[in-house]
Amino acid sequence: INQRVGSWLFLGVILTDLEFAPSLADAAAPPRGLCGTCTRC
């Protein structure tokens, strides 16, 4: 789930041996979940 777009998402990936700077400044701390106490699904 993306906070802005939601979950209707197709994903594609590119694997490469180029070493890019990660999008997250701290790669060990990805976005925290925002489901909270919701269990509707």
Full PDB file with SEQRES, HELIX, SHEET, SSBOND, CRYST1, ORIGX, SCALE, CONECT and MASTER records, all heavy atoms in Angstrom:
SEQRES   1 A   41  ILE ASN GLN ARG VAL GLY SER TRP LEU PHE LEU GLY VAL          
SEQRES   2 A   41  ILE LEU THR ASP LEU GLU PHE ALA PRO SER LEU ALA ASP          
SEQRES   3 A   41  ALA ALA ALA PRO PRO ARG GLY LEU CYS GLY THR CYS THR          
SEQRES   4 A   41  ARG CYS                                                      
CRYST1    1.000    1.000    1.000  90.00  90.00  90.00 P 1           1          
ORIGX1      1.000000  0.000000  0.000000        0.00000                         
ORIGX2      0.000000  1.000000  0.000000        0.00000                         
ORIGX3      0.000000  0.000000  1.000000        0.00000                         
SCALE1      1.000000  0.000000  0.000000        0.00000                         
SCALE2      0.000000  1.000000  0.000000        0.00000                         
SCALE3      0.000000  0.000000  1.000000        0.00000                         
ATOM      1  N   ILE A   1       0.850  -1.192   0.000  1.00  0.00           N  
ATOM      2  CA  ILE A   1       0.000   0.000   0.000  1.00  0.00           C  
ATOM      3  C   ILE A   1       0.880   1.235   0.000  1.00  0.00           C  
ATOM      4  O   ILE A   1       1.798   1.370   0.817  1.00  0.00           O  
ATOM      5  CB  ILE A   1      -0.939   0.041   1.219  1.00  0.00           C  
ATOM      6  CG1 ILE A   1      -1.899  -1.153   1.200  1.00  0.00           C  
ATOM      7  CG2 ILE A   1      -1.740   1.337   1.238  1.00  0.00           C  
ATOM      8  CD1 ILE A   1      -2.888  -1.170   2.354  1.00  0.00           C  
ATOM      9  N   ASN A   2       0.596   2.125  -0.920  1.00  0.00           N  
ATOM     10  CA  ASN A   2       1.236   3.436  -0.958  1.00  0.00           C  
ATOM     11  C   ASN A   2       0.252   4.446  -0.393  1.00  0.00           C  
ATOM     12  O   ASN A   2      -0.926   4.446  -0.756  1.00  0.00           O  
ATOM     13  CB  ASN A   2       1.622   3.798  -2.392  1.00  0.00           C  
ATOM     14  CG  ASN A   2       2.235   5.180  -2.499  1.00  0.00           C  
ATOM     15  OD1 ASN A   2       1.527   6.174  -2.656  1.00  0.00           O  
ATOM     16  ND2 ASN A   2       3.547   5.255  -2.420  1.00  0.00           N  
ATOM     17  N   GLN A   3       0.729   5.326   0.480  1.00  0.00           N  
ATOM     18  CA  GLN A   3      -0.159   6.246   1.180  1.00  0.00           C  
ATOM     19  C   GLN A   3      -0.917   7.158   0.222  1.00  0.00           C  
ATOM     20  O   GLN A   3      -2.045   7.563   0.490  1.00  0.00           O  
ATOM     21  CB  GLN A   3       0.651   7.079   2.181  1.00  0.00           C  
ATOM     22  CG  GLN A   3      -0.197   7.896   3.136  1.00  0.00           C  
ATOM     23  CD  GLN A   3       0.624   8.479   4.267  1.00  0.00           C  
ATOM     24  OE1 GLN A   3       1.834   8.257   4.358  1.00  0.00           O  
ATOM     25  NE2 GLN A   3      -0.013   9.235   5.150  1.00  0.00           N  
ATOM     26  N   ARG A   4      -0.325   7.468  -0.923  1.00  0.00           N  
ATOM     27  CA  ARG A   4      -0.962   8.381  -1.878  1.00  0.00           C  
ATOM     28  C   ARG A   4      -1.778   7.628  -2.931  1.00  0.00           C  
ATOM     29  O   ARG A   4      -2.874   8.053  -3.295  1.00  0.00           O  
ATOM     30  CB  ARG A   4       0.117   9.227  -2.580  1.00  0.00           C  
ATOM     31  CG  ARG A   4      -0.419  10.150  -3.668  1.00  0.00           C  
ATOM     32  CD  ARG A   4       0.700  11.006  -4.240  1.00  0.00           C  
ATOM     33  NE  ARG A   4       1.762  10.231  -4.830  1.00  0.00           N  
ATOM     34  CZ  ARG A   4       1.750   9.783  -6.088  1.00  0.00           C  
ATOM     35  NH1 ARG A   4       0.711  10.024  -6.878  1.00  0.00           N  
ATOM     36  NH2 ARG A   4       2.780   9.112  -6.570  1.00  0.00           N  
ATOM     37  N   VAL A   5      -1.278   6.496  -3.410  1.00  0.00           N  
ATOM     38  CA  VAL A   5      -1.885   5.811  -4.542  1.00  0.00           C  
ATOM     39  C   VAL A   5      -2.800   4.669  -4.115  1.00  0.00           C  
ATOM     40  O   VAL A   5      -3.717   4.294  -4.837  1.00  0.00           O  
ATOM     41  CB  VAL A   5      -0.791   5.291  -5.500  1.00  0.00           C  
ATOM     42  CG1 VAL A   5      -1.389   4.604  -6.706  1.00  0.00           C  
ATOM     43  CG2 VAL A   5       0.098   6.439  -5.947  1.00  0.00           C  
ATOM     44  N   GLY A   6      -2.590   4.112  -2.922  1.00  0.00           N  
ATOM     45  CA  GLY A   6      -3.356   2.953  -2.498  1.00  0.00           C  
ATOM     46  C   GLY A   6      -2.653   1.665  -2.889  1.00  0.00           C  
ATOM     47  O   GLY A   6      -1.416   1.619  -2.975  1.00  0.00           O  
ATOM     48  N   SER A   7      -3.440   0.605  -3.156  1.00  0.00           N  
ATOM     49  CA  SER A   7      -2.827  -0.704  -3.423  1.00  0.00           C  
ATOM     50  C   SER A   7      -3.107  -1.256  -4.809  1.00  0.00           C  
ATOM     51  O   SER A   7      -2.666  -2.365  -5.139  1.00  0.00           O  
ATOM     52  CB  SER A   7      -3.307  -1.735  -2.385  1.00  0.00           C  
ATOM     53  OG  SER A   7      -4.685  -2.016  -2.540  1.00  0.00           O  
ATOM     54  N   TRP A   8      -3.826  -0.497  -5.651  1.00  0.00           N  
ATOM     55  CA  TRP A   8      -4.077  -0.987  -7.015  1.00  0.00           C  
ATOM     56  C   TRP A   8      -2.818  -0.756  -7.852  1.00  0.00           C  
ATOM     57  O   TRP A   8      -2.759   0.139  -8.684  1.00  0.00           O  
ATOM     58  CB  TRP A   8      -5.267  -0.263  -7.642  1.00  0.00           C  
ATOM     59  CG  TRP A   8      -6.528  -0.313  -6.841  1.00  0.00           C  
ATOM     60  CD1 TRP A   8      -7.126   0.721  -6.190  1.00  0.00           C  
ATOM     61  CD2 TRP A   8      -7.385  -1.440  -6.630  1.00  0.00           C  
ATOM     62  NE1 TRP A   8      -8.286   0.315  -5.582  1.00  0.00           N  
ATOM     63  CE2 TRP A   8      -8.476  -1.017  -5.843  1.00  0.00           C  
ATOM     64  CE3 TRP A   8      -7.337  -2.775  -7.043  1.00  0.00           C  
ATOM     65  CZ2 TRP A   8      -9.503  -1.866  -5.446  1.00  0.00           C  
ATOM     66  CZ3 TRP A   8      -8.362  -3.630  -6.641  1.00  0.00           C  
ATOM     67  CH2 TRP A   8      -9.419  -3.177  -5.862  1.00  0.00           C  
ATOM     68  N   LEU A   9      -1.801  -1.572  -7.634  1.00  0.00           N  
ATOM     69  CA  LEU A   9      -0.493  -1.326  -8.232  1.00  0.00           C  
ATOM     70  C   LEU A   9       0.065  -2.578  -8.900  1.00  0.00           C  
ATOM     71  O   LEU A   9       0.059  -3.671  -8.317  1.00  0.00           O  
ATOM     72  CB  LEU A   9       0.503  -0.861  -7.160  1.00  0.00           C  
ATOM     73  CG  LEU A   9       0.238   0.500  -6.514  1.00  0.00           C  
ATOM     74  CD1 LEU A   9       1.148   0.692  -5.304  1.00  0.00           C  
ATOM     75  CD2 LEU A   9       0.433   1.624  -7.525  1.00  0.00           C  
ATOM     76  N   PHE A  10       0.547  -2.399 -10.129  1.00  0.00           N  
ATOM     77  CA  PHE A  10       1.372  -3.401 -10.788  1.00  0.00           C  
ATOM     78  C   PHE A  10       2.827  -3.049 -10.499  1.00  0.00           C  
ATOM     79  O   PHE A  10       3.215  -1.876 -10.558  1.00  0.00           O  
ATOM     80  CB  PHE A  10       1.168  -3.390 -12.302  1.00  0.00           C  
ATOM     81  CG  PHE A  10      -0.166  -3.923 -12.752  1.00  0.00           C  
ATOM     82  CD1 PHE A  10      -0.924  -3.220 -13.671  1.00  0.00           C  
ATOM     83  CD2 PHE A  10      -0.645  -5.138 -12.291  1.00  0.00           C  
ATOM     84  CE1 PHE A  10      -2.141  -3.707 -14.110  1.00  0.00           C  
ATOM     85  CE2 PHE A  10      -1.858  -5.637 -12.726  1.00  0.00           C  
ATOM     86  CZ  PHE A  10      -2.613  -4.916 -13.631  1.00  0.00           C  
ATOM     87  N   LEU A  11       3.637  -4.081 -10.232  1.00  0.00           N  
ATOM     88  CA  LEU A  11       5.047  -3.861  -9.907  1.00  0.00           C  
ATOM     89  C   LEU A  11       5.952  -4.523 -10.942  1.00  0.00           C  
ATOM     90  O   LEU A  11       5.678  -5.623 -11.410  1.00  0.00           O  
ATOM     91  CB  LEU A  11       5.374  -4.427  -8.521  1.00  0.00           C  
ATOM     92  CG  LEU A  11       4.609  -3.842  -7.335  1.00  0.00           C  
ATOM     93  CD1 LEU A  11       4.978  -4.598  -6.063  1.00  0.00           C  
ATOM     94  CD2 LEU A  11       4.911  -2.354  -7.179  1.00  0.00           C  
ATOM     95  N   GLY A  12       7.025  -3.836 -11.277  1.00  0.00           N  
ATOM     96  CA  GLY A  12       8.063  -4.389 -12.128  1.00  0.00           C  
ATOM     97  C   GLY A  12       9.413  -4.034 -11.534  1.00  0.00           C  
ATOM     98  O   GLY A  12       9.538  -3.014 -10.844  1.00  0.00           O  
ATOM     99  N   VAL A  13      10.425  -4.854 -11.773  1.00  0.00           N  
ATOM    100  CA  VAL A  13      11.736  -4.594 -11.188  1.00  0.00           C  
ATOM    101  C   VAL A  13      12.824  -4.709 -12.245  1.00  0.00           C  
ATOM    102  O   VAL A  13      12.673  -5.393 -13.256  1.00  0.00           O  
ATOM    103  CB  VAL A  13      12.058  -5.576 -10.030  1.00  0.00           C  
ATOM    104  CG1 VAL A  13      11.017  -5.458  -8.925  1.00  0.00           C  
ATOM    105  CG2 VAL A  13      12.163  -7.005 -10.524  1.00  0.00           C  
ATOM    106  N   ILE A  14      13.902  -4.003 -11.980  1.00  0.00           N  
ATOM    107  CA  ILE A  14      15.136  -4.135 -12.755  1.00  0.00           C  
ATOM    108  C   ILE A  14      16.243  -4.500 -11.786  1.00  0.00           C  
ATOM    109  O   ILE A  14      16.485  -3.776 -10.805  1.00  0.00           O  
ATOM    110  CB  ILE A  14      15.495  -2.830 -13.497  1.00  0.00           C  
ATOM    111  CG1 ILE A  14      14.422  -2.477 -14.533  1.00  0.00           C  
ATOM    112  CG2 ILE A  14      16.864  -2.957 -14.165  1.00  0.00           C  
ATOM    113  CD1 ILE A  14      14.625  -1.111 -15.170  1.00  0.00           C  
ATOM    114  N   LEU A  15      16.889  -5.627 -12.036  1.00  0.00           N  
ATOM    115  CA  LEU A  15      18.062  -6.013 -11.250  1.00  0.00           C  
ATOM    116  C   LEU A  15      19.297  -5.539 -12.000  1.00  0.00           C  
ATOM    117  O   LEU A  15      19.423  -5.749 -13.203  1.00  0.00           O  
ATOM    118  CB  LEU A  15      18.116  -7.533 -11.070  1.00  0.00           C  
ATOM    119  CG  LEU A  15      16.873  -8.214 -10.481  1.00  0.00           C  
ATOM    120  CD1 LEU A  15      17.129  -9.712 -10.337  1.00  0.00           C  
ATOM    121  CD2 LEU A  15      16.499  -7.599  -9.153  1.00  0.00           C  
ATOM    122  N   THR A  16      20.216  -4.902 -11.284  1.00  0.00           N  
ATOM    123  CA  THR A  16      21.405  -4.354 -11.955  1.00  0.00           C  
ATOM    124  C   THR A  16      22.621  -4.427 -11.037  1.00  0.00           C  
ATOM    125  O   THR A  16      22.485  -4.432  -9.801  1.00  0.00           O  
ATOM    126  CB  THR A  16      21.168  -2.894 -12.387  1.00  0.00           C  
ATOM    127  OG1 THR A  16      22.344  -2.393 -13.026  1.00  0.00           O  
ATOM    128  CG2 THR A  16      20.807  -2.009 -11.210  1.00  0.00           C  
ATOM    129  N   ASP A  17      23.796  -4.498 -11.670  1.00  0.00           N  
ATOM    130  CA  ASP A  17      25.031  -4.469 -10.877  1.00  0.00           C  
ATOM    131  C   ASP A  17      25.533  -3.046 -10.654  1.00  0.00           C  
ATOM    132  O   ASP A  17      26.587  -2.847 -10.038  1.00  0.00           O  
ATOM    133  CB  ASP A  17      26.122  -5.333 -11.524  1.00  0.00           C  
ATOM    134  CG  ASP A  17      26.437  -4.937 -12.958  1.00  0.00           C  
ATOM    135  OD1 ASP A  17      25.889  -3.920 -13.435  1.00  0.00           O  
ATOM    136  OD2 ASP A  17      27.233  -5.644 -13.609  1.00  0.00           O  
ATOM    137  N   LEU A  18      24.795  -2.064 -11.147  1.00  0.00           N  
ATOM    138  CA  LEU A  18      25.101  -0.678 -10.783  1.00  0.00           C  
ATOM    139  C   LEU A  18      24.683  -0.443  -9.340  1.00  0.00           C  
ATOM    140  O   LEU A  18      23.622  -0.900  -8.909  1.00  0.00           O  
ATOM    141  CB  LEU A  18      24.354   0.295 -11.698  1.00  0.00           C  
ATOM    142  CG  LEU A  18      24.773   0.342 -13.161  1.00  0.00           C  
ATOM    143  CD1 LEU A  18      23.837   1.247 -13.955  1.00  0.00           C  
ATOM    144  CD2 LEU A  18      26.219   0.813 -13.299  1.00  0.00           C  
ATOM    145  N   GLU A  19      25.491   0.278  -8.610  1.00  0.00           N  
ATOM    146  CA  GLU A  19      25.170   0.543  -7.204  1.00  0.00           C  
ATOM    147  C   GLU A  19      24.616   1.962  -7.072  1.00  0.00           C  
ATOM    148  O   GLU A  19      25.356   2.935  -7.031  1.00  0.00           O  
ATOM    149  CB  GLU A  19      26.398   0.370  -6.314  1.00  0.00           C  
ATOM    150  CG  GLU A  19      26.059   0.449  -4.829  1.00  0.00           C  
ATOM    151  CD  GLU A  19      27.242   0.105  -3.941  1.00  0.00           C  
ATOM    152  OE1 GLU A  19      28.373   0.010  -4.462  1.00  0.00           O  
ATOM    153  OE2 GLU A  19      27.042  -0.049  -2.728  1.00  0.00           O  
ATOM    154  N   PHE A  20      23.297   2.051  -7.049  1.00  0.00           N  
ATOM    155  CA  PHE A  20      22.634   3.340  -6.873  1.00  0.00           C  
ATOM    156  C   PHE A  20      22.496   3.664  -5.393  1.00  0.00           C  
ATOM    157  O   PHE A  20      22.416   2.767  -4.550  1.00  0.00           O  
ATOM    158  CB  PHE A  20      21.231   3.313  -7.486  1.00  0.00           C  
ATOM    159  CG  PHE A  20      21.200   3.288  -8.987  1.00  0.00           C  
ATOM    160  CD1 PHE A  20      21.171   2.095  -9.680  1.00  0.00           C  
ATOM    161  CD2 PHE A  20      21.196   4.474  -9.718  1.00  0.00           C  
ATOM    162  CE1 PHE A  20      21.120   2.062 -11.066  1.00  0.00           C  
ATOM    163  CE2 PHE A  20      21.153   4.454 -11.102  1.00  0.00           C  
ATOM    164  CZ  PHE A  20      21.117   3.248 -11.780  1.00  0.00           C  
ATOM    165  N   ALA A  21      22.434   4.943  -5.102  1.00  0.00           N  
ATOM    166  CA  ALA A  21      22.070   5.344  -3.750  1.00  0.00           C  
ATOM    167  C   ALA A  21      20.626   4.912  -3.514  1.00  0.00           C  
ATOM    168  O   ALA A  21      19.748   5.194  -4.325  1.00  0.00           O  
ATOM    169  CB  ALA A  21      22.197   6.857  -3.589  1.00  0.00           C  
ATOM    170  N   PRO A  22      20.342   4.205  -2.411  1.00  0.00           N  
ATOM    171  CA  PRO A  22      18.967   3.762  -2.154  1.00  0.00           C  
ATOM    172  C   PRO A  22      18.020   4.959  -2.006  1.00  0.00           C  
ATOM    173  O   PRO A  22      18.432   6.050  -1.601  1.00  0.00           O  
ATOM    174  CB  PRO A  22      19.084   2.998  -0.832  1.00  0.00           C  
ATOM    175  CG  PRO A  22      20.524   2.627  -0.716  1.00  0.00           C  
ATOM    176  CD  PRO A  22      21.278   3.743  -1.378  1.00  0.00           C  
ATOM    177  N   SER A  23      16.775   4.738  -2.357  1.00  0.00           N  
ATOM    178  CA  SER A  23      15.783   5.805  -2.212  1.00  0.00           C  
ATOM    179  C   SER A  23      15.576   6.186  -0.754  1.00  0.00           C  
ATOM    180  O   SER A  23      15.275   7.337  -0.436  1.00  0.00           O  
ATOM    181  CB  SER A  23      14.448   5.364  -2.827  1.00  0.00           C  
ATOM    182  OG  SER A  23      14.580   5.149  -4.210  1.00  0.00           O  
ATOM    183  N   LEU A  24      15.714   5.206   0.141  1.00  0.00           N  
ATOM    184  CA  LEU A  24      15.589   5.477   1.566  1.00  0.00           C  
ATOM    185  C   LEU A  24      16.955   5.790   2.142  1.00  0.00           C  
ATOM    186  O   LEU A  24      17.921   5.048   1.923  1.00  0.00           O  
ATOM    187  CB  LEU A  24      14.991   4.268   2.284  1.00  0.00           C  
ATOM    188  CG  LEU A  24      13.568   3.871   1.881  1.00  0.00           C  
ATOM    189  CD1 LEU A  24      13.161   2.604   2.617  1.00  0.00           C  
ATOM    190  CD2 LEU A  24      12.595   5.003   2.186  1.00  0.00           C  
ATOM    191  N   ALA A  25      17.031   6.875   2.879  1.00  0.00           N  
ATOM    192  CA  ALA A  25      18.307   7.253   3.486  1.00  0.00           C  
ATOM    193  C   ALA A  25      18.811   6.154   4.414  1.00  0.00           C  
ATOM    194  O   ALA A  25      20.001   5.866   4.486  1.00  0.00           O  
ATOM    195  CB  ALA A  25      18.153   8.569   4.247  1.00  0.00           C  
ATOM    196  N   ASP A  26      17.870   5.523   5.119  1.00  0.00           N  
ATOM    197  CA  ASP A  26      18.214   4.401   5.993  1.00  0.00           C  
ATOM    198  C   ASP A  26      17.535   3.163   5.430  1.00  0.00           C  
ATOM    199  O   ASP A  26      16.338   2.939   5.634  1.00  0.00           O  
ATOM    200  CB  ASP A  26      17.738   4.676   7.423  1.00  0.00           C  
ATOM    201  CG  ASP A  26      18.158   3.569   8.388  1.00  0.00           C  
ATOM    202  OD1 ASP A  26      18.762   2.576   7.927  1.00  0.00           O  
ATOM    203  OD2 ASP A  26      17.875   3.694   9.597  1.00  0.00           O  
ATOM    204  N   ALA A  27      18.296   2.368   4.683  1.00  0.00           N  
ATOM    205  CA  ALA A  27      17.720   1.200   4.020  1.00  0.00           C  
ATOM    206  C   ALA A  27      17.188   0.185   5.014  1.00  0.00           C  
ATOM    207  O   ALA A  27      16.353  -0.655   4.672  1.00  0.00           O  
ATOM    208  CB  ALA A  27      18.767   0.543   3.124  1.00  0.00           C  
ATOM    209  N   ALA A  28      17.641   0.259   6.252  1.00  0.00           N  
ATOM    210  CA  ALA A  28      17.182  -0.686   7.271  1.00  0.00           C  
ATOM    211  C   ALA A  28      15.882  -0.238   7.918  1.00  0.00           C  
ATOM    212  O   ALA A  28      15.339  -0.933   8.780  1.00  0.00           O  
ATOM    213  CB  ALA A  28      18.264  -0.862   8.339  1.00  0.00           C  
ATOM    214  N   ALA A  29      15.379   0.927   7.526  1.00  0.00           N  
ATOM    215  CA  ALA A  29      14.158   1.458   8.143  1.00  0.00           C  
ATOM    216  C   ALA A  29      13.152   1.824   7.062  1.00  0.00           C  
ATOM    217  O   ALA A  29      12.940   3.000   6.759  1.00  0.00           O  
ATOM    218  CB  ALA A  29      14.486   2.673   9.013  1.00  0.00           C  
ATOM    219  N   PRO A  30      12.519   0.821   6.442  1.00  0.00           N  
ATOM    220  CA  PRO A  30      11.516   1.096   5.396  1.00  0.00           C  
ATOM    221  C   PRO A  30      10.273   1.743   5.997  1.00  0.00           C  
ATOM    222  O   PRO A  30      10.131   1.818   7.224  1.00  0.00           O  
ATOM    223  CB  PRO A  30      11.205  -0.299   4.843  1.00  0.00           C  
ATOM    224  CG  PRO A  30      11.527  -1.234   5.969  1.00  0.00           C  
ATOM    225  CD  PRO A  30      12.672  -0.617   6.691  1.00  0.00           C  
ATOM    226  N   PRO A  31       9.353   2.220   5.156  1.00  0.00           N  
ATOM    227  CA  PRO A  31       8.161   2.902   5.674  1.00  0.00           C  
ATOM    228  C   PRO A  31       7.401   2.031   6.670  1.00  0.00           C  
ATOM    229  O   PRO A  31       7.228   0.829   6.466  1.00  0.00           O  
ATOM    230  CB  PRO A  31       7.318   3.140   4.414  1.00  0.00           C  
ATOM    231  CG  PRO A  31       8.308   3.127   3.292  1.00  0.00           C  
ATOM    232  CD  PRO A  31       9.367   2.160   3.690  1.00  0.00           C  
ATOM    233  N   ARG A  32       6.981   2.633   7.760  1.00  0.00           N  
ATOM    234  CA  ARG A  32       6.230   1.879   8.759  1.00  0.00           C  
ATOM    235  C   ARG A  32       4.809   1.634   8.251  1.00  0.00           C  
ATOM    236  O   ARG A  32       4.258   2.401   7.472  1.00  0.00           O  
ATOM    237  CB  ARG A  32       6.185   2.648  10.086  1.00  0.00           C  
ATOM    238  CG  ARG A  32       5.412   3.948  10.050  1.00  0.00           C  
ATOM    239  CD  ARG A  32       5.504   4.670  11.383  1.00  0.00           C  
ATOM    240  NE  ARG A  32       4.709   5.904  11.385  1.00  0.00           N  
ATOM    241  CZ  ARG A  32       3.425   5.959  11.728  1.00  0.00           C  
ATOM    242  NH1 ARG A  32       2.810   4.840  12.107  1.00  0.00           N  
ATOM    243  NH2 ARG A  32       2.767   7.087  11.705  1.00  0.00           N  
ATOM    244  N   GLY A  33       4.245   0.538   8.699  1.00  0.00           N  
ATOM    245  CA  GLY A  33       2.897   0.200   8.294  1.00  0.00           C  
ATOM    246  C   GLY A  33       1.875   1.153   8.886  1.00  0.00           C  
ATOM    247  O   GLY A  33       2.021   1.617  10.022  1.00  0.00           O  
ATOM    248  N   LEU A  34       0.856   1.454   8.110  1.00  0.00           N  
ATOM    249  CA  LEU A  34      -0.185   2.374   8.561  1.00  0.00           C  
ATOM    250  C   LEU A  34      -1.553   1.695   8.581  1.00  0.00           C  
ATOM    251  O   LEU A  34      -2.580   2.352   8.429  1.00  0.00           O  
ATOM    252  CB  LEU A  34      -0.217   3.611   7.652  1.00  0.00           C  
ATOM    253  CG  LEU A  34       1.049   4.485   7.655  1.00  0.00           C  
ATOM    254  CD1 LEU A  34       0.913   5.626   6.652  1.00  0.00           C  
ATOM    255  CD2 LEU A  34       1.306   5.044   9.060  1.00  0.00           C  
ATOM    256  N   CYS A  35      -1.568   0.384   8.782  1.00  0.00           N  
ATOM    257  CA  CYS A  35      -2.845  -0.319   8.908  1.00  0.00           C  
ATOM    258  C   CYS A  35      -3.480  -0.078  10.276  1.00  0.00           C  
ATOM    259  O   CYS A  35      -4.706  -0.183  10.414  1.00  0.00           O  
ATOM    260  CB  CYS A  35      -2.649  -1.823   8.703  1.00  0.00           C  
ATOM    261  SG  CYS A  35      -2.221  -2.289   7.013  1.00  0.00           S  
ATOM    262  N   GLY A  36      -2.642   0.200  11.244  1.00  0.00           N  
ATOM    263  CA  GLY A  36      -3.156   0.436  12.588  1.00  0.00           C  
ATOM    264  C   GLY A  36      -3.916  -0.768  13.119  1.00  0.00           C  
ATOM    265  O   GLY A  36      -3.489  -1.912  12.962  1.00  0.00           O  
ATOM    266  N   THR A  37      -5.076  -0.509  13.750  1.00  0.00           N  
ATOM    267  CA  THR A  37      -5.883  -1.590  14.304  1.00  0.00           C  
ATOM    268  C   THR A  37      -6.908  -2.119  13.302  1.00  0.00           C  
ATOM    269  O   THR A  37      -7.691  -3.007  13.625  1.00  0.00           O  
ATOM    270  CB  THR A  37      -6.618  -1.109  15.569  1.00  0.00           C  
ATOM    271  OG1 THR A  37      -7.468  -0.002  15.216  1.00  0.00           O  
ATOM    272  CG2 THR A  37      -5.633  -0.668  16.641  1.00  0.00           C  
ATOM    273  N   CYS A  38      -6.928  -1.582  12.093  1.00  0.00           N  
ATOM    274  CA  CYS A  38      -7.912  -1.973  11.081  1.00  0.00           C  
ATOM    275  C   CYS A  38      -7.719  -3.435  10.667  1.00  0.00           C  
ATOM    276  O   CYS A  38      -6.594  -3.874  10.418  1.00  0.00           O  
ATOM    277  CB  CYS A  38      -7.786  -1.076   9.858  1.00  0.00           C  
ATOM    278  SG  CYS A  38      -8.952  -1.484   8.531  1.00  0.00           S  
ATOM    279  N   THR A  39      -8.818  -4.168  10.608  1.00  0.00           N  
ATOM    280  CA  THR A  39      -8.788  -5.561  10.138  1.00  0.00           C  
ATOM    281  C   THR A  39      -9.875  -5.803   9.088  1.00  0.00           C  
ATOM    282  O   THR A  39     -10.348  -6.930   8.921  1.00  0.00           O  
ATOM    283  CB  THR A  39      -8.984  -6.538  11.312  1.00  0.00           C  
ATOM    284  OG1 THR A  39     -10.246  -6.253  11.952  1.00  0.00           O  
ATOM    285  CG2 THR A  39      -7.854  -6.433  12.315  1.00  0.00           C  
ATOM    286  N   ARG A  40     -10.269  -4.761   8.380  1.00  0.00           N  
ATOM    287  CA  ARG A  40     -11.377  -4.906   7.428  1.00  0.00           C  
ATOM    288  C   ARG A  40     -11.076  -5.936   6.357  1.00  0.00           C  
ATOM    289  O   ARG A  40     -11.962  -6.680   5.929  1.00  0.00           O  
ATOM    290  CB  ARG A  40     -11.692  -3.548   6.797  1.00  0.00           C  
ATOM    291  CG  ARG A  40     -12.236  -2.541   7.791  1.00  0.00           C  
ATOM    292  CD  ARG A  40     -12.665  -1.260   7.120  1.00  0.00           C  
ATOM    293  NE  ARG A  40     -13.028  -0.259   8.118  1.00  0.00           N  
ATOM    294  CZ  ARG A  40     -13.532   0.932   7.841  1.00  0.00           C  
ATOM    295  NH1 ARG A  40     -13.719   1.271   6.573  1.00  0.00           N  
ATOM    296  NH2 ARG A  40     -13.840   1.782   8.799  1.00  0.00           N  
ATOM    297  N   CYS A  41      -9.844  -5.983   5.877  1.00  0.00           N  
ATOM    298  CA  CYS A  41      -9.496  -6.949   4.834  1.00  0.00           C  
ATOM    299  C   CYS A  41      -9.644  -8.372   5.348  1.00  0.00           C  
ATOM    300  O   CYS A  41     -10.165  -9.257   4.648  1.00  0.00           O  
ATOM    301  CB  CYS A  41      -8.086  -6.692   4.322  1.00  0.00           C  
ATOM    302  SG  CYS A  41      -6.799  -6.705   5.595  1.00  0.00           S  
TER     303      CYS A  41                                                      
MASTER        0    0    0    0    0    0    0    6  302    1    0    4          
END                                                                             
